[in-house]
Amino acid sequence: MRAPVKIGLVAAGLRPNRVFWAALSAAALAIAATALAAFIAHILARAAGTSSMLYAWSSLAGLRILVAPLFALAFFLSGLCAPNRASRITLFGVTVIEAGVFAYAALAWFHPGR
């Protein structure tokens, strides 16, 4: 019960710090780029043969895709606390990217025939 209170206090303390929100937005975009790279690697590995090097690297892509919901939740909550419009748009956009990557991968894993 104390954790949400602590998170709220930390977010309230960081809210006026514009440098923090700009850095968080930039880091979120970089993390979303890794999600898109993992997504593309996963798609290309499905088309490649099992003996290709891309297929071997796609196992790391699967691990990155599994972490996507955690990043999506963190970026969504950060977007709710963001003080300016640019940070909110960036963080919510990154949330959509992370959620979309995971949603497609989940559909591909649980319905492989489609």
C-alpha atoms as a PDB file:
ATOM      1  CA  MET A   1       0.000   0.000   0.000  1.00  0.00           C
ATOM      2  CA  ARG A   2       2.938   2.329   0.552  1.00  0.00           C
ATOM      3  CA  ALA A   3       4.500   1.827  -2.902  1.00  0.00           C
ATOM      4  CA  PRO A   4       1.950   3.910  -4.876  1.00  0.00           C
ATOM      5  CA  VAL A   5       2.372   6.725  -2.369  1.00  0.00           C
ATOM      6  CA  LYS A   6       6.146   6.653  -2.805  1.00  0.00           C
ATOM      7  CA  ILE A   7       5.874   6.572  -6.588  1.00  0.00           C
ATOM      8  CA  GLY A   8       3.476   9.522  -6.478  1.00  0.00           C
ATOM      9  CA  LEU A   9       5.857  11.504  -4.287  1.00  0.00           C
ATOM     10  CA  VAL A  10       8.783  10.788  -6.603  1.00  0.00           C
ATOM     11  CA  ALA A  11       6.756  11.758  -9.678  1.00  0.00           C
ATOM     12  CA  ALA A  12       5.578  14.955  -7.982  1.00  0.00           C
ATOM     13  CA  GLY A  13       9.170  15.794  -7.095  1.00  0.00           C
ATOM     14  CA  LEU A  14      10.400  15.230 -10.649  1.00  0.00           C
ATOM     15  CA  ARG A  15       7.485  16.929 -12.374  1.00  0.00           C
ATOM     16  CA  PRO A  16       9.023  20.424 -12.512  1.00  0.00           C
ATOM     17  CA  ASN A  17      12.363  19.095 -13.801  1.00  0.00           C
ATOM     18  CA  ARG A  18      12.159  19.563 -17.599  1.00  0.00           C
ATOM     19  CA  VAL A  19      15.587  18.056 -18.231  1.00  0.00           C
ATOM     20  CA  PHE A  20      14.474  14.778 -16.648  1.00  0.00           C
ATOM     21  CA  TRP A  21      11.353  14.568 -18.823  1.00  0.00           C
ATOM     22  CA  ALA A  22      13.295  15.373 -21.974  1.00  0.00           C
ATOM     23  CA  ALA A  23      15.860  12.688 -21.131  1.00  0.00           C
ATOM     24  CA  LEU A  24      13.114  10.184 -20.289  1.00  0.00           C
ATOM     25  CA  SER A  25      11.367  10.899 -23.594  1.00  0.00           C
ATOM     26  CA  ALA A  26      14.616  10.415 -25.519  1.00  0.00           C
ATOM     27  CA  ALA A  27      15.365   7.179 -23.664  1.00  0.00           C
ATOM     28  CA  ALA A  28      11.820   5.952 -24.299  1.00  0.00           C
ATOM     29  CA  LEU A  29      12.237   6.561 -28.026  1.00  0.00           C
ATOM     30  CA  ALA A  30      15.518   4.616 -27.999  1.00  0.00           C
ATOM     31  CA  ILE A  31      13.884   1.726 -26.143  1.00  0.00           C
ATOM     32  CA  ALA A  32      10.964   1.748 -28.588  1.00  0.00           C
ATOM     33  CA  ALA A  33      13.471   1.558 -31.434  1.00  0.00           C
ATOM     34  CA  THR A  34      14.828  -1.665 -29.919  1.00  0.00           C
ATOM     35  CA  ALA A  35      11.271  -3.011 -29.769  1.00  0.00           C
ATOM     36  CA  LEU A  36      10.773  -2.233 -33.448  1.00  0.00           C
ATOM     37  CA  ALA A  37      14.144  -3.817 -34.292  1.00  0.00           C
ATOM     38  CA  ALA A  38      13.183  -6.948 -32.352  1.00  0.00           C
ATOM     39  CA  PHE A  39       9.827  -6.989 -34.127  1.00  0.00           C
ATOM     40  CA  ILE A  40      11.475  -6.774 -37.559  1.00  0.00           C
ATOM     41  CA  ALA A  41      14.035  -9.443 -36.620  1.00  0.00           C
ATOM     42  CA  HIS A  42      11.224 -11.705 -35.456  1.00  0.00           C
ATOM     43  CA  ILE A  43       9.286 -11.220 -38.707  1.00  0.00           C
ATOM     44  CA  LEU A  44      12.330 -11.784 -40.898  1.00  0.00           C
ATOM     45  CA  ALA A  45      13.426 -14.839 -38.904  1.00  0.00           C
ATOM     46  CA  ARG A  46      10.048 -16.471 -39.464  1.00  0.00           C
ATOM     47  CA  ALA A  47      10.604 -16.111 -43.204  1.00  0.00           C
ATOM     48  CA  ALA A  48      14.242 -17.279 -43.065  1.00  0.00           C
ATOM     49  CA  GLY A  49      15.317 -20.868 -42.681  1.00  0.00           C
ATOM     50  CA  THR A  50      16.253 -22.411 -39.366  1.00  0.00           C
ATOM     51  CA  SER A  51      19.900 -22.639 -40.379  1.00  0.00           C
ATOM     52  CA  SER A  52      20.297 -18.879 -40.926  1.00  0.00           C
ATOM     53  CA  MET A  53      22.114 -16.589 -38.529  1.00  0.00           C
ATOM     54  CA  LEU A  54      19.059 -14.352 -38.343  1.00  0.00           C
ATOM     55  CA  TYR A  55      17.070 -17.252 -36.911  1.00  0.00           C
ATOM     56  CA  ALA A  56      19.660 -17.628 -34.144  1.00  0.00           C
ATOM     57  CA  TRP A  57      19.490 -13.925 -33.305  1.00  0.00           C
ATOM     58  CA  SER A  58      15.708 -13.995 -33.242  1.00  0.00           C
ATOM     59  CA  SER A  59      15.785 -15.742 -29.874  1.00  0.00           C
ATOM     60  CA  LEU A  60      17.078 -12.486 -28.387  1.00  0.00           C
ATOM     61  CA  ALA A  61      14.318 -10.646 -30.192  1.00  0.00           C
ATOM     62  CA  GLY A  62      11.789 -12.894 -28.472  1.00  0.00           C
ATOM     63  CA  LEU A  63      13.222 -11.977 -25.076  1.00  0.00           C
ATOM     64  CA  ARG A  64      12.985  -8.270 -25.896  1.00  0.00           C
ATOM     65  CA  ILE A  65       9.402  -8.701 -27.042  1.00  0.00           C
ATOM     66  CA  LEU A  66       8.503 -10.442 -23.780  1.00  0.00           C
ATOM     67  CA  VAL A  67       9.659  -7.381 -21.827  1.00  0.00           C
ATOM     68  CA  ALA A  68       7.554  -5.000 -23.954  1.00  0.00           C
ATOM     69  CA  PRO A  69       4.463  -5.010 -21.671  1.00  0.00           C
ATOM     70  CA  LEU A  70       6.571  -3.898 -18.713  1.00  0.00           C
ATOM     71  CA  PHE A  71       8.023  -1.021 -20.703  1.00  0.00           C
ATOM     72  CA  ALA A  72       4.549  -0.144 -21.989  1.00  0.00           C
ATOM     73  CA  LEU A  73       3.191   0.057 -18.444  1.00  0.00           C
ATOM     74  CA  ALA A  74       6.128   2.152 -17.250  1.00  0.00           C
ATOM     75  CA  PHE A  75       5.846   4.557 -20.178  1.00  0.00           C
ATOM     76  CA  PHE A  76       2.078   4.843 -19.754  1.00  0.00           C
ATOM     77  CA  LEU A  77       2.392   5.713 -16.069  1.00  0.00           C
ATOM     78  CA  SER A  78       5.186   8.157 -16.856  1.00  0.00           C
ATOM     79  CA  GLY A  79       2.991   9.751 -19.500  1.00  0.00           C
ATOM     80  CA  LEU A  80       0.288  10.312 -16.920  1.00  0.00           C
ATOM     81  CA  CYS A  81       2.773  12.201 -14.729  1.00  0.00           C
ATOM     82  CA  ALA A  82       4.511  14.139 -17.526  1.00  0.00           C
ATOM     83  CA  PRO A  83       4.262  17.911 -17.095  1.00  0.00           C
ATOM     84  CA  ASN A  84       4.236  19.055 -20.714  1.00  0.00           C
ATOM     85  CA  ARG A  85       2.410  18.028 -23.848  1.00  0.00           C
ATOM     86  CA  ALA A  86       5.477  16.948 -25.834  1.00  0.00           C
ATOM     87  CA  SER A  87       6.565  14.485 -23.151  1.00  0.00           C
ATOM     88  CA  ARG A  88       3.048  13.090 -22.808  1.00  0.00           C
ATOM     89  CA  ILE A  89       2.664  12.579 -26.552  1.00  0.00           C
ATOM     90  CA  THR A  90       6.079  10.922 -26.791  1.00  0.00           C
ATOM     91  CA  LEU A  91       5.490   8.618 -23.830  1.00  0.00           C
ATOM     92  CA  PHE A  92       1.992   7.633 -24.930  1.00  0.00           C
ATOM     93  CA  GLY A  93       3.232   7.049 -28.491  1.00  0.00           C
ATOM     94  CA  VAL A  94       5.996   4.803 -27.199  1.00  0.00           C
ATOM     95  CA  THR A  95       3.400   2.971 -25.103  1.00  0.00           C
ATOM     96  CA  VAL A  96       1.408   2.245 -28.257  1.00  0.00           C
ATOM     97  CA  ILE A  97       4.525   0.961 -30.038  1.00  0.00           C
ATOM     98  CA  GLU A  98       5.453  -1.356 -27.173  1.00  0.00           C
ATOM     99  CA  ALA A  99       1.903  -2.664 -26.814  1.00  0.00           C
ATOM    100  CA  GLY A 100       1.584  -3.186 -30.569  1.00  0.00           C
ATOM    101  CA  VAL A 101       4.830  -5.130 -30.796  1.00  0.00           C
ATOM    102  CA  PHE A 102       3.777  -7.410 -27.960  1.00  0.00           C
ATOM    103  CA  ALA A 103       0.236  -7.838 -29.295  1.00  0.00           C
ATOM    104  CA  TYR A 104       1.463  -8.916 -32.727  1.00  0.00           C
ATOM    105  CA  ALA A 105       4.038 -11.288 -31.255  1.00  0.00           C
ATOM    106  CA  ALA A 106       1.461 -12.805 -28.907  1.00  0.00           C
ATOM    107  CA  LEU A 107      -0.901 -13.402 -31.816  1.00  0.00           C
ATOM    108  CA  ALA A 108       1.921 -14.915 -33.876  1.00  0.00           C
ATOM    109  CA  TRP A 109       2.985 -17.190 -31.015  1.00  0.00           C
ATOM    110  CA  PHE A 110      -0.473 -18.363 -29.955  1.00  0.00           C
ATOM    111  CA  HIS A 111      -2.020 -18.540 -33.449  1.00  0.00           C
ATOM    112  CA  PRO A 112       0.917 -19.597 -35.653  1.00  0.00           C
ATOM    113  CA  GLY A 113      -1.253 -20.617 -38.602  1.00  0.00           C
ATOM    114  CA  ARG A 114      -2.500 -17.082 -39.286  1.00  0.00           C
END
